[in-house]
Amino acid sequence: MENEALCDHLQNVSEIIPPKDYVCEECIKAGGSWVHLRTCQTCGITLCCDSSPKKHMTAHYHATGHPVISSAEPGEQWLWCYKDDAFAEY
């Protein structure tokens, strides 16, 4: 993903980390539900999106500073950088 228009965080993703499981680990612990899943491209955890009641992936970003996530939804191939509000398809 080399593109001058991308932020440094997105440019530095050399290999996409796939989801280990298609569940939000935090929702499972709490007995909650989710809408869509996202995978952190720093540590590999899969959590729920901002359309989900608990917004666990955004909370993960604020707690850890891990800036880039990917969609964990089948057929979707995109990345999002929280820090720079940047999007990229791959």
Protein backbone atom coordinates (compact mmCIF):
# COMPACT_ATOMS: atom_id res chain seq x y z
CA MET A 1 0.00 0.00 0.00
CA GLU A 2 2.37 2.67 -1.13
CA ASN A 3 0.63 5.93 -1.82
CA GLU A 4 1.86 9.43 -1.07
CA ALA A 5 -1.67 10.53 -0.11
CA LEU A 6 -1.84 8.01 2.75
CA CYS A 7 -0.83 8.93 6.28
CA ASP A 8 2.38 7.44 7.67
CA HIS A 9 0.45 4.94 9.82
CA LEU A 10 -1.37 3.48 6.81
CA GLN A 11 1.78 3.49 4.68
CA ASN A 12 3.58 1.51 7.39
CA VAL A 13 1.11 -1.40 7.24
CA SER A 14 3.06 -3.93 5.22
CA GLU A 15 0.93 -7.01 5.87
CA ILE A 16 -2.70 -7.10 6.99
CA ILE A 17 -3.31 -8.91 10.28
CA PRO A 18 -6.43 -11.06 9.74
CA PRO A 19 -9.00 -11.62 12.50
CA LYS A 20 -8.36 -14.66 14.70
CA ASP A 21 -12.08 -15.07 15.42
CA TYR A 22 -15.16 -13.36 14.08
CA VAL A 23 -16.39 -12.18 17.47
CA CYS A 24 -15.88 -9.10 19.62
CA GLU A 25 -13.82 -10.41 22.51
CA GLU A 26 -15.13 -7.72 24.90
CA CYS A 27 -18.81 -8.18 23.94
CA ILE A 28 -18.45 -11.93 24.52
CA LYS A 29 -17.05 -11.30 28.02
CA ALA A 30 -19.93 -8.94 28.85
CA GLY A 31 -22.68 -10.93 27.11
CA GLY A 32 -23.27 -8.10 24.65
CA SER A 33 -23.77 -7.93 20.91
CA TRP A 34 -22.09 -6.14 18.00
CA VAL A 35 -22.89 -4.88 14.51
CA HIS A 36 -19.54 -5.09 12.65
CA LEU A 37 -16.04 -6.19 13.59
CA ARG A 38 -12.65 -4.50 13.24
CA THR A 39 -9.13 -5.89 13.75
CA CYS A 40 -6.33 -3.85 15.30
CA GLN A 41 -3.32 -3.82 12.99
CA THR A 42 -0.90 -3.40 15.90
CA CYS A 43 -1.92 -6.21 18.27
CA GLY A 44 -4.44 -8.26 16.28
CA ILE A 45 -7.40 -8.03 18.67
CA THR A 46 -10.84 -8.07 17.00
CA LEU A 47 -13.48 -5.82 18.54
CA CYS A 48 -16.77 -4.16 17.61
CA CYS A 49 -17.24 -1.01 15.52
CA ASP A 50 -18.75 2.38 16.35
CA SER A 51 -22.19 1.24 15.14
CA SER A 52 -22.16 -1.33 17.96
CA PRO A 53 -23.51 -0.42 21.41
CA LYS A 54 -20.15 -0.48 23.25
CA LYS A 55 -17.76 0.73 20.49
CA HIS A 56 -14.98 -1.48 21.85
CA MET A 57 -12.48 -0.84 19.03
CA THR A 58 -12.56 2.92 19.53
CA ALA A 59 -12.12 2.36 23.27
CA HIS A 60 -9.14 0.11 22.47
CA TYR A 61 -7.59 2.90 20.38
CA HIS A 62 -8.01 5.44 23.20
CA ALA A 63 -6.57 3.01 25.77
CA THR A 64 -3.59 1.83 23.69
CA GLY A 65 -2.91 4.42 20.98
CA HIS A 66 -2.90 1.66 18.32
CA PRO A 67 -3.86 3.81 15.31
CA VAL A 68 -4.80 1.45 12.44
CA ILE A 69 -7.67 -1.01 12.17
CA SER A 70 -8.98 -3.15 9.33
CA SER A 71 -12.49 -4.30 8.65
CA ALA A 72 -12.98 -7.88 9.82
CA GLU A 73 -16.12 -8.20 7.70
CA PRO A 74 -16.01 -10.78 4.88
CA GLY A 75 -15.58 -9.09 1.50
CA GLU A 76 -14.42 -5.75 2.94
CA GLN A 77 -10.79 -4.76 2.38
CA TRP A 78 -10.07 -1.43 4.00
CA LEU A 79 -8.00 0.20 6.72
CA TRP A 80 -8.77 3.15 8.97
CA CYS A 81 -6.31 5.30 10.90
CA TYR A 82 -7.89 6.79 14.03
CA LYS A 83 -5.06 9.24 14.63
CA ASP A 84 -5.20 10.84 11.18
CA ASP A 85 -8.86 10.14 10.27
CA ALA A 86 -7.55 8.43 7.14
CA PHE A 87 -9.05 5.61 5.06
CA ALA A 88 -7.50 3.26 2.52
CA GLU A 89 -8.70 0.27 0.53
CA TYR A 90 -6.35 -2.60 -0.21
